[in-house]
Full PDB file with SEQRES, HELIX, SHEET, SSBOND, CRYST1, ORIGX, SCALE, CONECT and MASTER records, all heavy atoms in Angstrom:
SEQRES   1 A   35  GLN GLU GLY VAL VAL GLY PRO ILE LYS THR LEU ASP ALA          
SEQRES   2 A   35  LEU LYS ALA LYS GLY PHE PRO LEU VAL TYR VAL GLY ASP          
SEQRES   3 A   35  VAL VAL GLY THR GLY SER SER ARG LYS                          
HELIX    1 AA1 ILE A    8  LYS A   15  1                                   8    
CRYST1    1.000    1.000    1.000  90.00  90.00  90.00 P 1           1          
ORIGX1      1.000000  0.000000  0.000000        0.00000                         
ORIGX2      0.000000  1.000000  0.000000        0.00000                         
ORIGX3      0.000000  0.000000  1.000000        0.00000                         
SCALE1      1.000000  0.000000  0.000000        0.00000                         
SCALE2      0.000000  1.000000  0.000000        0.00000                         
SCALE3      0.000000  0.000000  1.000000        0.00000                         
ATOM      1  N   GLN A   1      14.126 -17.719  21.392  1.00  0.00           N  
ATOM      2  CA  GLN A   1      14.229 -19.130  21.779  1.00  0.00           C  
ATOM      3  C   GLN A   1      13.058 -19.846  21.133  1.00  0.00           C  
ATOM      4  O   GLN A   1      11.919 -19.673  21.542  1.00  0.00           O  
ATOM      5  CB  GLN A   1      14.198 -19.278  23.303  1.00  0.00           C  
ATOM      6  CG  GLN A   1      14.435 -20.700  23.786  1.00  0.00           C  
ATOM      7  CD  GLN A   1      14.451 -20.796  25.307  1.00  0.00           C  
ATOM      8  OE1 GLN A   1      14.472 -19.784  26.004  1.00  0.00           O  
ATOM      9  NE2 GLN A   1      14.445 -22.022  25.821  1.00  0.00           N  
ATOM     10  N   GLU A   2      13.337 -20.608  20.116  1.00  0.00           N  
ATOM     11  CA  GLU A   2      12.297 -21.199  19.282  1.00  0.00           C  
ATOM     12  C   GLU A   2      11.241 -21.927  20.111  1.00  0.00           C  
ATOM     13  O   GLU A   2      11.548 -22.783  20.936  1.00  0.00           O  
ATOM     14  CB  GLU A   2      12.913 -22.167  18.275  1.00  0.00           C  
ATOM     15  CG  GLU A   2      11.939 -22.680  17.223  1.00  0.00           C  
ATOM     16  CD  GLU A   2      11.418 -21.572  16.315  1.00  0.00           C  
ATOM     17  OE1 GLU A   2      12.164 -20.586  16.081  1.00  0.00           O  
ATOM     18  OE2 GLU A   2      10.266 -21.672  15.852  1.00  0.00           O  
ATOM     19  N   GLY A   3       9.985 -21.524  19.891  1.00  0.00           N  
ATOM     20  CA  GLY A   3       8.875 -22.166  20.573  1.00  0.00           C  
ATOM     21  C   GLY A   3       8.696 -21.753  22.018  1.00  0.00           C  
ATOM     22  O   GLY A   3       7.796 -22.247  22.701  1.00  0.00           O  
ATOM     23  N   VAL A   4       9.551 -20.828  22.506  1.00  0.00           N  
ATOM     24  CA  VAL A   4       9.473 -20.421  23.915  1.00  0.00           C  
ATOM     25  C   VAL A   4       9.392 -18.902  24.061  1.00  0.00           C  
ATOM     26  O   VAL A   4       8.488 -18.374  24.711  1.00  0.00           O  
ATOM     27  CB  VAL A   4      10.685 -20.958  24.718  1.00  0.00           C  
ATOM     28  CG1 VAL A   4      10.586 -20.503  26.182  1.00  0.00           C  
ATOM     29  CG2 VAL A   4      10.767 -22.476  24.626  1.00  0.00           C  
ATOM     30  N   VAL A   5      10.339 -18.190  23.455  1.00  0.00           N  
ATOM     31  CA  VAL A   5      10.429 -16.737  23.575  1.00  0.00           C  
ATOM     32  C   VAL A   5      10.462 -16.111  22.191  1.00  0.00           C  
ATOM     33  O   VAL A   5      11.225 -16.542  21.322  1.00  0.00           O  
ATOM     34  CB  VAL A   5      11.679 -16.313  24.377  1.00  0.00           C  
ATOM     35  CG1 VAL A   5      11.770 -14.789  24.456  1.00  0.00           C  
ATOM     36  CG2 VAL A   5      11.659 -16.922  25.774  1.00  0.00           C  
ATOM     37  N   GLY A   6       9.631 -15.109  21.989  1.00  0.00           N  
ATOM     38  CA  GLY A   6       9.533 -14.444  20.695  1.00  0.00           C  
ATOM     39  C   GLY A   6      10.709 -13.528  20.403  1.00  0.00           C  
ATOM     40  O   GLY A   6      11.739 -13.567  21.090  1.00  0.00           O  
ATOM     41  N   PRO A   7      10.566 -12.651  19.405  1.00  0.00           N  
ATOM     42  CA  PRO A   7      11.683 -11.816  18.924  1.00  0.00           C  
ATOM     43  C   PRO A   7      11.953 -10.600  19.809  1.00  0.00           C  
ATOM     44  O   PRO A   7      11.934  -9.451  19.351  1.00  0.00           O  
ATOM     45  CB  PRO A   7      11.224 -11.403  17.530  1.00  0.00           C  
ATOM     46  CG  PRO A   7       9.729 -11.322  17.648  1.00  0.00           C  
ATOM     47  CD  PRO A   7       9.346 -12.430  18.586  1.00  0.00           C  
ATOM     48  N   ILE A   8      12.217 -10.832  21.083  1.00  0.00           N  
ATOM     49  CA  ILE A   8      12.384  -9.734  22.033  1.00  0.00           C  
ATOM     50  C   ILE A   8      13.621  -8.895  21.697  1.00  0.00           C  
ATOM     51  O   ILE A   8      13.602  -7.665  21.799  1.00  0.00           O  
ATOM     52  CB  ILE A   8      12.478 -10.267  23.476  1.00  0.00           C  
ATOM     53  CG1 ILE A   8      11.305 -11.216  23.775  1.00  0.00           C  
ATOM     54  CG2 ILE A   8      12.501  -9.104  24.462  1.00  0.00           C  
ATOM     55  CD1 ILE A   8       9.952 -10.615  23.575  1.00  0.00           C  
ATOM     56  N   LYS A   9      14.706  -9.558  21.284  1.00  0.00           N  
ATOM     57  CA  LYS A   9      15.925  -8.822  20.939  1.00  0.00           C  
ATOM     58  C   LYS A   9      15.676  -7.887  19.766  1.00  0.00           C  
ATOM     59  O   LYS A   9      16.169  -6.755  19.741  1.00  0.00           O  
ATOM     60  CB  LYS A   9      17.055  -9.800  20.624  1.00  0.00           C  
ATOM     61  CG  LYS A   9      17.527 -10.616  21.823  1.00  0.00           C  
ATOM     62  CD  LYS A   9      18.611 -11.605  21.423  1.00  0.00           C  
ATOM     63  CE  LYS A   9      19.045 -12.466  22.614  1.00  0.00           C  
ATOM     64  NZ  LYS A   9      20.044 -13.491  22.229  1.00  0.00           N  
ATOM     65  N   THR A  10      14.914  -8.362  18.787  1.00  0.00           N  
ATOM     66  CA  THR A  10      14.580  -7.518  17.641  1.00  0.00           C  
ATOM     67  C   THR A  10      13.760  -6.308  18.078  1.00  0.00           C  
ATOM     68  O   THR A  10      14.026  -5.172  17.675  1.00  0.00           O  
ATOM     69  CB  THR A  10      13.791  -8.319  16.588  1.00  0.00           C  
ATOM     70  OG1 THR A  10      14.585  -9.403  16.119  1.00  0.00           O  
ATOM     71  CG2 THR A  10      13.377  -7.438  15.421  1.00  0.00           C  
ATOM     72  N   LEU A  11      12.770  -6.551  18.927  1.00  0.00           N  
ATOM     73  CA  LEU A  11      11.924  -5.461  19.408  1.00  0.00           C  
ATOM     74  C   LEU A  11      12.737  -4.444  20.208  1.00  0.00           C  
ATOM     75  O   LEU A  11      12.568  -3.228  20.048  1.00  0.00           O  
ATOM     76  CB  LEU A  11      10.788  -6.022  20.264  1.00  0.00           C  
ATOM     77  CG  LEU A  11       9.735  -6.845  19.501  1.00  0.00           C  
ATOM     78  CD1 LEU A  11       8.877  -7.641  20.475  1.00  0.00           C  
ATOM     79  CD2 LEU A  11       8.853  -5.935  18.654  1.00  0.00           C  
ATOM     80  N   ASP A  12      13.647  -4.932  21.044  1.00  0.00           N  
ATOM     81  CA  ASP A  12      14.487  -4.025  21.835  1.00  0.00           C  
ATOM     82  C   ASP A  12      15.390  -3.185  20.932  1.00  0.00           C  
ATOM     83  O   ASP A  12      15.607  -1.994  21.173  1.00  0.00           O  
ATOM     84  CB  ASP A  12      15.327  -4.817  22.833  1.00  0.00           C  
ATOM     85  CG  ASP A  12      14.503  -5.370  23.987  1.00  0.00           C  
ATOM     86  OD1 ASP A  12      13.375  -4.886  24.189  1.00  0.00           O  
ATOM     87  OD2 ASP A  12      14.994  -6.289  24.678  1.00  0.00           O  
ATOM     88  N   ALA A  13      15.926  -3.824  19.887  1.00  0.00           N  
ATOM     89  CA  ALA A  13      16.796  -3.094  18.962  1.00  0.00           C  
ATOM     90  C   ALA A  13      16.021  -2.014  18.214  1.00  0.00           C  
ATOM     91  O   ALA A  13      16.530  -0.905  17.990  1.00  0.00           O  
ATOM     92  CB  ALA A  13      17.440  -4.072  17.972  1.00  0.00           C  
ATOM     93  N   LEU A  14      14.788  -2.317  17.850  1.00  0.00           N  
ATOM     94  CA  LEU A  14      13.958  -1.330  17.164  1.00  0.00           C  
ATOM     95  C   LEU A  14      13.608  -0.171  18.093  1.00  0.00           C  
ATOM     96  O   LEU A  14      13.601   0.996  17.681  1.00  0.00           O  
ATOM     97  CB  LEU A  14      12.680  -1.985  16.633  1.00  0.00           C  
ATOM     98  CG  LEU A  14      12.863  -3.002  15.499  1.00  0.00           C  
ATOM     99  CD1 LEU A  14      11.548  -3.715  15.208  1.00  0.00           C  
ATOM    100  CD2 LEU A  14      13.380  -2.327  14.235  1.00  0.00           C  
ATOM    101  N   LYS A  15      13.336  -0.482  19.350  1.00  0.00           N  
ATOM    102  CA  LYS A  15      13.030   0.578  20.324  1.00  0.00           C  
ATOM    103  C   LYS A  15      14.221   1.516  20.517  1.00  0.00           C  
ATOM    104  O   LYS A  15      14.052   2.699  20.823  1.00  0.00           O  
ATOM    105  CB  LYS A  15      12.629  -0.034  21.660  1.00  0.00           C  
ATOM    106  CG  LYS A  15      11.251  -0.666  21.671  1.00  0.00           C  
ATOM    107  CD  LYS A  15      10.936  -1.210  23.060  1.00  0.00           C  
ATOM    108  CE  LYS A  15       9.561  -1.860  23.106  1.00  0.00           C  
ATOM    109  NZ  LYS A  15       9.246  -2.404  24.458  1.00  0.00           N  
ATOM    110  N   ALA A  16      15.413   0.978  20.334  1.00  0.00           N  
ATOM    111  CA  ALA A  16      16.628   1.783  20.524  1.00  0.00           C  
ATOM    112  C   ALA A  16      16.733   2.917  19.510  1.00  0.00           C  
ATOM    113  O   ALA A  16      17.533   3.839  19.691  1.00  0.00           O  
ATOM    114  CB  ALA A  16      17.859   0.885  20.441  1.00  0.00           C  
ATOM    115  N   LYS A  17      15.921   2.879  18.446  1.00  0.00           N  
ATOM    116  CA  LYS A  17      15.905   3.982  17.482  1.00  0.00           C  
ATOM    117  C   LYS A  17      15.313   5.253  18.093  1.00  0.00           C  
ATOM    118  O   LYS A  17      15.450   6.340  17.533  1.00  0.00           O  
ATOM    119  CB  LYS A  17      15.113   3.582  16.231  1.00  0.00           C  
ATOM    120  CG  LYS A  17      15.799   2.535  15.349  1.00  0.00           C  
ATOM    121  CD  LYS A  17      14.887   2.145  14.191  1.00  0.00           C  
ATOM    122  CE  LYS A  17      15.587   1.173  13.253  1.00  0.00           C  
ATOM    123  NZ  LYS A  17      16.217   1.839  12.122  1.00  0.00           N  
ATOM    124  N   GLY A  18      14.619   5.084  19.218  1.00  0.00           N  
ATOM    125  CA  GLY A  18      14.123   6.259  19.935  1.00  0.00           C  
ATOM    126  C   GLY A  18      12.686   6.646  19.661  1.00  0.00           C  
ATOM    127  O   GLY A  18      12.216   7.681  20.153  1.00  0.00           O  
ATOM    128  N   PHE A  19      11.977   5.839  18.883  1.00  0.00           N  
ATOM    129  CA  PHE A  19      10.576   6.137  18.590  1.00  0.00           C  
ATOM    130  C   PHE A  19       9.703   4.952  19.008  1.00  0.00           C  
ATOM    131  O   PHE A  19      10.179   3.814  19.066  1.00  0.00           O  
ATOM    132  CB  PHE A  19      10.373   6.412  17.093  1.00  0.00           C  
ATOM    133  CG  PHE A  19      11.108   7.627  16.596  1.00  0.00           C  
ATOM    134  CD1 PHE A  19      12.328   7.498  15.939  1.00  0.00           C  
ATOM    135  CD2 PHE A  19      10.588   8.890  16.794  1.00  0.00           C  
ATOM    136  CE1 PHE A  19      13.018   8.615  15.482  1.00  0.00           C  
ATOM    137  CE2 PHE A  19      11.265  10.020  16.339  1.00  0.00           C  
ATOM    138  CZ  PHE A  19      12.483   9.878  15.690  1.00  0.00           C  
ATOM    139  N   PRO A  20       8.426   5.199  19.286  1.00  0.00           N  
ATOM    140  CA  PRO A  20       7.530   4.081  19.606  1.00  0.00           C  
ATOM    141  C   PRO A  20       7.431   3.110  18.433  1.00  0.00           C  
ATOM    142  O   PRO A  20       7.607   3.489  17.272  1.00  0.00           O  
ATOM    143  CB  PRO A  20       6.183   4.773  19.864  1.00  0.00           C  
ATOM    144  CG  PRO A  20       6.512   6.200  20.136  1.00  0.00           C  
ATOM    145  CD  PRO A  20       7.747   6.502  19.350  1.00  0.00           C  
ATOM    146  N   LEU A  21       7.123   1.854  18.753  1.00  0.00           N  
ATOM    147  CA  LEU A  21       6.949   0.851  17.709  1.00  0.00           C  
ATOM    148  C   LEU A  21       5.499   0.832  17.227  1.00  0.00           C  
ATOM    149  O   LEU A  21       4.579   1.169  17.962  1.00  0.00           O  
ATOM    150  CB  LEU A  21       7.306  -0.541  18.236  1.00  0.00           C  
ATOM    151  CG  LEU A  21       8.708  -0.750  18.816  1.00  0.00           C  
ATOM    152  CD1 LEU A  21       8.920  -2.227  19.141  1.00  0.00           C  
ATOM    153  CD2 LEU A  21       9.772  -0.256  17.866  1.00  0.00           C  
ATOM    154  N   VAL A  22       5.320   0.408  15.989  1.00  0.00           N  
ATOM    155  CA  VAL A  22       3.988   0.177  15.446  1.00  0.00           C  
ATOM    156  C   VAL A  22       3.958  -1.228  14.865  1.00  0.00           C  
ATOM    157  O   VAL A  22       4.866  -1.628  14.128  1.00  0.00           O  
ATOM    158  CB  VAL A  22       3.606   1.228  14.377  1.00  0.00           C  
ATOM    159  CG1 VAL A  22       4.646   1.313  13.263  1.00  0.00           C  
ATOM    160  CG2 VAL A  22       2.229   0.919  13.785  1.00  0.00           C  
ATOM    161  N   TYR A  23       2.934  -1.991  15.224  1.00  0.00           N  
ATOM    162  CA  TYR A  23       2.767  -3.340  14.692  1.00  0.00           C  
ATOM    163  C   TYR A  23       2.124  -3.224  13.316  1.00  0.00           C  
ATOM    164  O   TYR A  23       1.046  -2.634  13.164  1.00  0.00           O  
ATOM    165  CB  TYR A  23       1.881  -4.170  15.615  1.00  0.00           C  
ATOM    166  CG  TYR A  23       1.875  -5.647  15.302  1.00  0.00           C  
ATOM    167  CD1 TYR A  23       2.617  -6.538  16.064  1.00  0.00           C  
ATOM    168  CD2 TYR A  23       1.127  -6.163  14.244  1.00  0.00           C  
ATOM    169  CE1 TYR A  23       2.620  -7.898  15.787  1.00  0.00           C  
ATOM    170  CE2 TYR A  23       1.129  -7.507  13.951  1.00  0.00           C  
ATOM    171  CZ  TYR A  23       1.876  -8.370  14.728  1.00  0.00           C  
ATOM    172  OH  TYR A  23       1.881  -9.724  14.438  1.00  0.00           O  
ATOM    173  N   VAL A  24       2.779  -3.799  12.321  1.00  0.00           N  
ATOM    174  CA  VAL A  24       2.297  -3.736  10.935  1.00  0.00           C  
ATOM    175  C   VAL A  24       2.176  -5.157  10.398  1.00  0.00           C  
ATOM    176  O   VAL A  24       3.093  -5.973  10.556  1.00  0.00           O  
ATOM    177  CB  VAL A  24       3.259  -2.920  10.045  1.00  0.00           C  
ATOM    178  CG1 VAL A  24       2.764  -2.901   8.599  1.00  0.00           C  
ATOM    179  CG2 VAL A  24       3.418  -1.502  10.581  1.00  0.00           C  
ATOM    180  N   GLY A  25       1.047  -5.474   9.787  1.00  0.00           N  
ATOM    181  CA  GLY A  25       0.858  -6.805   9.218  1.00  0.00           C  
ATOM    182  C   GLY A  25      -0.055  -6.768   8.014  1.00  0.00           C  
ATOM    183  O   GLY A  25      -0.841  -5.830   7.837  1.00  0.00           O  
ATOM    184  N   ASP A  26       0.060  -7.788   7.190  1.00  0.00           N  
ATOM    185  CA  ASP A  26      -0.829  -7.881   6.026  1.00  0.00           C  
ATOM    186  C   ASP A  26      -2.263  -8.173   6.481  1.00  0.00           C  
ATOM    187  O   ASP A  26      -3.209  -7.516   6.065  1.00  0.00           O  
ATOM    188  CB  ASP A  26      -0.334  -8.972   5.073  1.00  0.00           C  
ATOM    189  CG  ASP A  26       1.033  -8.641   4.480  1.00  0.00           C  
ATOM    190  OD1 ASP A  26       1.217  -7.491   4.051  1.00  0.00           O  
ATOM    191  OD2 ASP A  26       1.916  -9.518   4.480  1.00  0.00           O  
ATOM    192  N   VAL A  27      -2.388  -9.204   7.324  1.00  0.00           N  
ATOM    193  CA  VAL A  27      -3.677  -9.548   7.933  1.00  0.00           C  
ATOM    194  C   VAL A  27      -3.404  -9.762   9.417  1.00  0.00           C  
ATOM    195  O   VAL A  27      -2.569 -10.581   9.785  1.00  0.00           O  
ATOM    196  CB  VAL A  27      -4.288 -10.825   7.317  1.00  0.00           C  
ATOM    197  CG1 VAL A  27      -5.621 -11.150   7.983  1.00  0.00           C  
ATOM    198  CG2 VAL A  27      -4.474 -10.663   5.810  1.00  0.00           C  
ATOM    199  N   VAL A  28      -4.118  -9.037  10.264  1.00  0.00           N  
ATOM    200  CA  VAL A  28      -3.790  -9.020  11.695  1.00  0.00           C  
ATOM    201  C   VAL A  28      -4.993  -9.413  12.550  1.00  0.00           C  
ATOM    202  O   VAL A  28      -6.088  -8.897  12.352  1.00  0.00           O  
ATOM    203  CB  VAL A  28      -3.303  -7.621  12.142  1.00  0.00           C  
ATOM    204  CG1 VAL A  28      -2.862  -7.653  13.607  1.00  0.00           C  
ATOM    205  CG2 VAL A  28      -2.174  -7.125  11.258  1.00  0.00           C  
ATOM    206  N   GLY A  29      -4.771 -10.346  13.484  1.00  0.00           N  
ATOM    207  CA  GLY A  29      -5.738 -10.598  14.547  1.00  0.00           C  
ATOM    208  C   GLY A  29      -6.864 -11.551  14.227  1.00  0.00           C  
ATOM    209  O   GLY A  29      -7.896 -11.529  14.904  1.00  0.00           O  
ATOM    210  N   THR A  30      -6.694 -12.414  13.232  1.00  0.00           N  
ATOM    211  CA  THR A  30      -7.731 -13.406  12.963  1.00  0.00           C  
ATOM    212  C   THR A  30      -7.742 -14.450  14.078  1.00  0.00           C  
ATOM    213  O   THR A  30      -6.830 -14.532  14.894  1.00  0.00           O  
ATOM    214  CB  THR A  30      -7.486 -14.092  11.615  1.00  0.00           C  
ATOM    215  OG1 THR A  30      -6.155 -14.669  11.611  1.00  0.00           O  
ATOM    216  CG2 THR A  30      -7.594 -13.112  10.472  1.00  0.00           C  
ATOM    217  N   GLY A  31      -8.777 -15.263  14.110  1.00  0.00           N  
ATOM    218  CA  GLY A  31      -8.851 -16.304  15.135  1.00  0.00           C  
ATOM    219  C   GLY A  31      -9.798 -15.929  16.249  1.00  0.00           C  
ATOM    220  O   GLY A  31     -10.808 -15.262  16.031  1.00  0.00           O  
ATOM    221  N   SER A  32      -9.453 -16.334  17.461  1.00  0.00           N  
ATOM    222  CA  SER A  32     -10.351 -16.156  18.603  1.00  0.00           C  
ATOM    223  C   SER A  32     -10.361 -14.704  19.076  1.00  0.00           C  
ATOM    224  O   SER A  32      -9.571 -13.876  18.634  1.00  0.00           O  
ATOM    225  CB  SER A  32      -9.928 -17.071  19.756  1.00  0.00           C  
ATOM    226  OG  SER A  32      -8.760 -16.570  20.386  1.00  0.00           O  
ATOM    227  N   SER A  33     -11.237 -14.445  20.045  1.00  0.00           N  
ATOM    228  CA  SER A  33     -11.413 -13.076  20.544  1.00  0.00           C  
ATOM    229  C   SER A  33     -10.546 -12.769  21.750  1.00  0.00           C  
ATOM    230  O   SER A  33     -10.776 -11.780  22.427  1.00  0.00           O  
ATOM    231  CB  SER A  33     -12.889 -12.859  20.916  1.00  0.00           C  
ATOM    232  OG  SER A  33     -13.275 -13.779  21.927  1.00  0.00           O  
ATOM    233  N   ARG A  34      -9.553 -13.604  22.042  1.00  0.00           N  
ATOM    234  CA  ARG A  34      -8.778 -13.450  23.285  1.00  0.00           C  
ATOM    235  C   ARG A  34      -8.152 -12.054  23.412  1.00  0.00           C  
ATOM    236  O   ARG A  34      -7.387 -11.611  22.578  1.00  0.00           O  
ATOM    237  CB  ARG A  34      -7.710 -14.550  23.369  1.00  0.00           C  
ATOM    238  CG  ARG A  34      -6.679 -14.523  22.271  1.00  0.00           C  
ATOM    239  CD  ARG A  34      -5.828 -15.793  22.231  1.00  0.00           C  
ATOM    240  NE  ARG A  34      -6.551 -16.907  21.642  1.00  0.00           N  
ATOM    241  CZ  ARG A  34      -5.976 -18.063  21.280  1.00  0.00           C  
ATOM    242  NH1 ARG A  34      -4.682 -18.249  21.461  1.00  0.00           N  
ATOM    243  NH2 ARG A  34      -6.691 -19.033  20.748  1.00  0.00           N  
ATOM    244  N   LYS A  35      -8.506 -11.370  24.500  1.00  0.00           N  
ATOM    245  CA  LYS A  35      -7.965 -10.034  24.777  1.00  0.00           C  
ATOM    246  C   LYS A  35      -6.471 -10.088  25.044  1.00  0.00           C  
ATOM    247  O   LYS A  35      -5.751  -9.090  24.849  1.00  0.00           O  
ATOM    248  CB  LYS A  35      -8.696  -9.440  25.982  1.00  0.00           C  
ATOM    249  CG  LYS A  35      -8.182  -8.074  26.446  1.00  0.00           C  
ATOM    250  CD  LYS A  35      -8.480  -6.988  25.439  1.00  0.00           C  
ATOM    251  CE  LYS A  35      -7.928  -5.635  25.869  1.00  0.00           C  
ATOM    252  NZ  LYS A  35      -8.484  -5.131  27.121  1.00  0.00           N  
TER     253      LYS A  35                                                      
MASTER        0    0    0    1    0    0    0    6  252    1    0    3          
END                                                                             
């Protein structure tokens, strides 16, 4: 749901493969220190 809910359906479909997910990015976590 644009601007409200992220790609939850995509994440659920990936989980259905039966393995844990790994977050992969070119550059990850810039910006503030928010936990």
